[in-house]
Amino acid sequence: MHVVFGTGPLGLAVMRALRRGGKRVRVVNRSGRAEAPPGVEVVAADATDRAAARRVCAGAAVVYHCAMAPYAQWPAKLPAIMAGIMEGAASAGARLVYGDNLYAYGQVSGPLTEDLPYRPVSPNGRVRALVATMLMEAHGRGEVPATIGRASDFFGPHVRLSKMGDRVFIPVLRGRAAQVLGDPDVPHTYTFIDDFARALVTLGERPEALGQVWHVPSAETLTTRRFVEMVCAEAGAPMRLAAAPRLGIAFLALFDPTMRAVQDQLYESEQPFLVDHSKYARAFGGAATPHREAIRVTLQWYRGSLHTSG
């Protein structure tokens, strides 16, 4: 049994990857409702309730932590979510695979590699560093066998609130300007959500992955402008791009906690942001999906979503 906490875009992508591999899957969220195919068990549980986490992890061989909280609430909620999922996995004797981002490293000059120290510069970065440290320390104490897979800003089916989400794909499909953050002409690594999910499944299968951090495969790094050009070309739409001004974001951040958290991470979009996944490639192989193919899949999902929603 493979247990996936969270039915956001990453949890759903992990579920799909596991089902393609013929695995028994149980997905867990607070509501007990999810967009899941027949054969996938969907159960309701609050990951911060340790007794509930133990219950839903019963019989698991691998547990995937893809659960999340609202962006502005990460500092308050992520430690308790991690603690509950750790206890659930430990009680089942299961491996725990954590799907993480890159905030913990802070502002880095040069490519991001797994051996960088944690030097977060924002509250969300600090809590990401904290929960990753919690997990690796628990692994070191022999409490739960664990590994961490980290991705850059991701895109793909169901990914709506990312830098390459609704503010890019929906305007392009409507012939309007894609809305981006920061400098669109600096290189930036973007990760396809299905590549992230496949990598997490691989990490759960391979005992040599345990006790380590891995950067998951991403297609070639390019500028945000070039990425949007590819989206427009695949959509058959004119190339139109608008970058949100820093002053505008700063003004909104005065009133909106979510925009304040976005402002804290703007450095990722204002300087080259290159993620090195060569460690993963050497250990496990597996090429990333080419950007054009990934963009095509994403556009197909958005077209279906927009048609359904009217």
Foldseek 3Di string as FASTA:
>chain_A
DEEEEDQALLSVLLLVLCVVVVHQYEYEEQPQDHPDDPRYGGDHDDLLPQVRLLVRLAPHQEYEYPDDDPPLCLLVPVQSNLVSNLSNQLSNLHEYEYEAEDQQLDQDDDADDFPHHGDHQDSNNVSRVVSVVVVLVCVVVVRHWYAYEYEYFEAFFNPAPTQCHVQQLVQLLVQHAREGEADQQAWAFYAYSNQSSNLSVVLRVDSVRTSGYAYTATADIGGNLVLSVLLNVLSVHDHHHDYDDLVVLVVVVVPDSNSVSVNSPRSNRHHHHHYDRVVCCVVPNDHGDHSNVRSNNRSVNVVVVVVVVD
